[in-house]
Amino acid sequence: MNEEQVRQVQQQLLDERPDLTEILRGSLLDRRIFHRRGCRKCRRGEGHRVWVLTVGYPGGRTRQFTIRPEQKEQVQRWLRNYRQLRDQLEAICELNHQLLGVGS
């Protein structure tokens, strides 16, 4: 690709980027919790379904956030947006390598 083509692809990637206010890093996990006593569902082995957002930090530290069921779709969309943006940034970096004449 010549420089003009690279710039066009870069611009296309920028035009397709998700809304930067709607991104979220982490993983959404489907978990079941069980009460120790007094709950019929737990005694039957059913438990209670909860959605947990898990985010890893440097040094092996992890935080977990319980997500309300009505937030699940929003969180999934924001996680997809983050992955899309990350992939687009990687693609732009590869194009910049071409512009520099490295990695080609």
Protein backbone atom coordinates (compact mmCIF):
# COMPACT_ATOMS: atom_id res chain seq x y z
CA MET A 1 0.00 0.00 0.00
CA ASN A 2 1.19 3.47 -0.71
CA GLU A 3 0.99 6.28 1.84
CA GLU A 4 -2.29 7.66 0.49
CA GLN A 5 -3.96 4.24 0.70
CA VAL A 6 -2.66 3.75 4.25
CA ARG A 7 -4.07 7.15 5.26
CA GLN A 8 -7.45 6.25 3.74
CA VAL A 9 -7.60 2.97 5.66
CA GLN A 10 -6.60 4.80 8.85
CA GLN A 11 -9.37 7.33 8.33
CA GLN A 12 -11.88 4.57 7.68
CA LEU A 13 -10.87 2.90 10.96
CA LEU A 14 -11.28 6.20 12.79
CA ASP A 15 -14.69 6.81 11.22
CA GLU A 16 -15.87 3.35 12.35
CA ARG A 17 -14.68 3.59 15.94
CA PRO A 18 -17.25 3.13 18.68
CA ASP A 19 -18.43 5.91 20.96
CA LEU A 20 -15.48 6.41 23.31
CA THR A 21 -17.79 7.14 26.24
CA GLU A 22 -19.31 3.66 25.91
CA ILE A 23 -16.36 1.35 26.44
CA LEU A 24 -15.62 -1.04 29.26
CA ARG A 25 -12.68 -3.35 29.89
CA GLY A 26 -13.15 -6.71 31.52
CA SER A 27 -15.15 -9.91 31.27
CA LEU A 28 -18.78 -10.58 32.06
CA LEU A 29 -19.29 -13.79 34.01
CA ASP A 30 -22.50 -15.70 34.67
CA ARG A 31 -22.39 -16.96 38.26
CA ARG A 32 -24.66 -18.65 40.77
CA ILE A 33 -24.63 -17.74 44.43
CA PHE A 34 -25.97 -19.91 47.22
CA HIS A 35 -27.25 -18.75 50.62
CA ARG A 36 -26.10 -20.77 53.61
CA ARG A 37 -29.54 -21.13 55.16
CA GLY A 38 -33.16 -20.12 54.89
CA CYS A 39 -33.51 -20.13 51.09
CA ARG A 40 -35.57 -22.79 49.35
CA LYS A 41 -33.95 -22.23 45.94
CA CYS A 42 -30.51 -22.71 47.42
CA ARG A 43 -31.56 -25.84 49.33
CA ARG A 44 -32.83 -27.30 46.03
CA GLY A 45 -29.40 -26.55 44.47
CA GLU A 46 -30.70 -23.89 42.09
CA GLY A 47 -29.01 -20.87 43.62
CA HIS A 48 -29.42 -17.33 42.34
CA ARG A 49 -28.04 -16.16 38.99
CA VAL A 50 -25.84 -13.07 39.10
CA TRP A 51 -23.79 -11.28 36.45
CA VAL A 52 -20.30 -10.24 37.49
CA LEU A 53 -17.96 -7.86 35.66
CA THR A 54 -14.37 -8.92 36.37
CA VAL A 55 -11.54 -6.49 35.64
CA GLY A 56 -7.86 -7.37 35.95
CA TYR A 57 -5.24 -4.80 36.95
CA PRO A 58 -1.44 -4.79 36.94
CA GLY A 59 0.13 -6.85 39.68
CA GLY A 60 -2.49 -9.58 39.41
CA ARG A 61 -5.14 -7.55 41.22
CA THR A 62 -8.74 -8.22 40.18
CA ARG A 63 -11.94 -6.35 40.94
CA GLN A 64 -15.42 -7.76 40.55
CA PHE A 65 -18.63 -5.80 40.19
CA THR A 66 -22.09 -7.32 40.43
CA ILE A 67 -24.22 -6.19 37.49
CA ARG A 68 -27.98 -5.83 37.73
CA PRO A 69 -29.85 -8.00 35.18
CA GLU A 70 -31.16 -4.93 33.36
CA GLN A 71 -27.55 -3.70 32.87
CA LYS A 72 -26.36 -6.92 31.20
CA GLU A 73 -27.02 -5.86 27.58
CA GLN A 74 -25.41 -2.45 28.13
CA VAL A 75 -22.31 -4.03 29.70
CA GLN A 76 -22.05 -6.55 26.84
CA ARG A 77 -22.28 -3.71 24.28
CA TRP A 78 -19.63 -1.66 26.08
CA LEU A 79 -17.32 -4.69 26.30
CA ARG A 80 -17.78 -5.26 22.52
CA ASN A 81 -16.99 -1.58 21.92
CA TYR A 82 -13.77 -1.92 23.93
CA ARG A 83 -12.68 -4.99 21.94
CA GLN A 84 -13.54 -3.25 18.65
CA LEU A 85 -11.55 -0.15 19.63
CA ARG A 86 -8.59 -2.27 20.78
CA ASP A 87 -8.60 -4.15 17.44
CA GLN A 88 -8.81 -0.88 15.50
CA LEU A 89 -5.87 0.57 17.45
CA GLU A 90 -3.83 -2.53 16.63
CA ALA A 91 -4.73 -2.17 12.94
CA ILE A 92 -3.68 1.51 12.97
CA CYS A 93 -0.37 0.56 14.60
CA GLU A 94 0.26 -2.01 11.86
CA LEU A 95 -0.47 0.63 9.22
CA ASN A 96 1.95 3.02 10.94
CA HIS A 97 4.60 0.29 10.79
CA GLN A 98 4.07 0.25 7.02
CA LEU A 99 4.45 4.03 6.86
CA LEU A 100 7.73 3.77 8.76
CA GLY A 101 8.91 0.98 6.50
CA VAL A 102 9.20 -1.53 9.34
CA GLY A 103 7.34 -4.81 9.55
CA SER A 104 6.62 -4.90 5.82
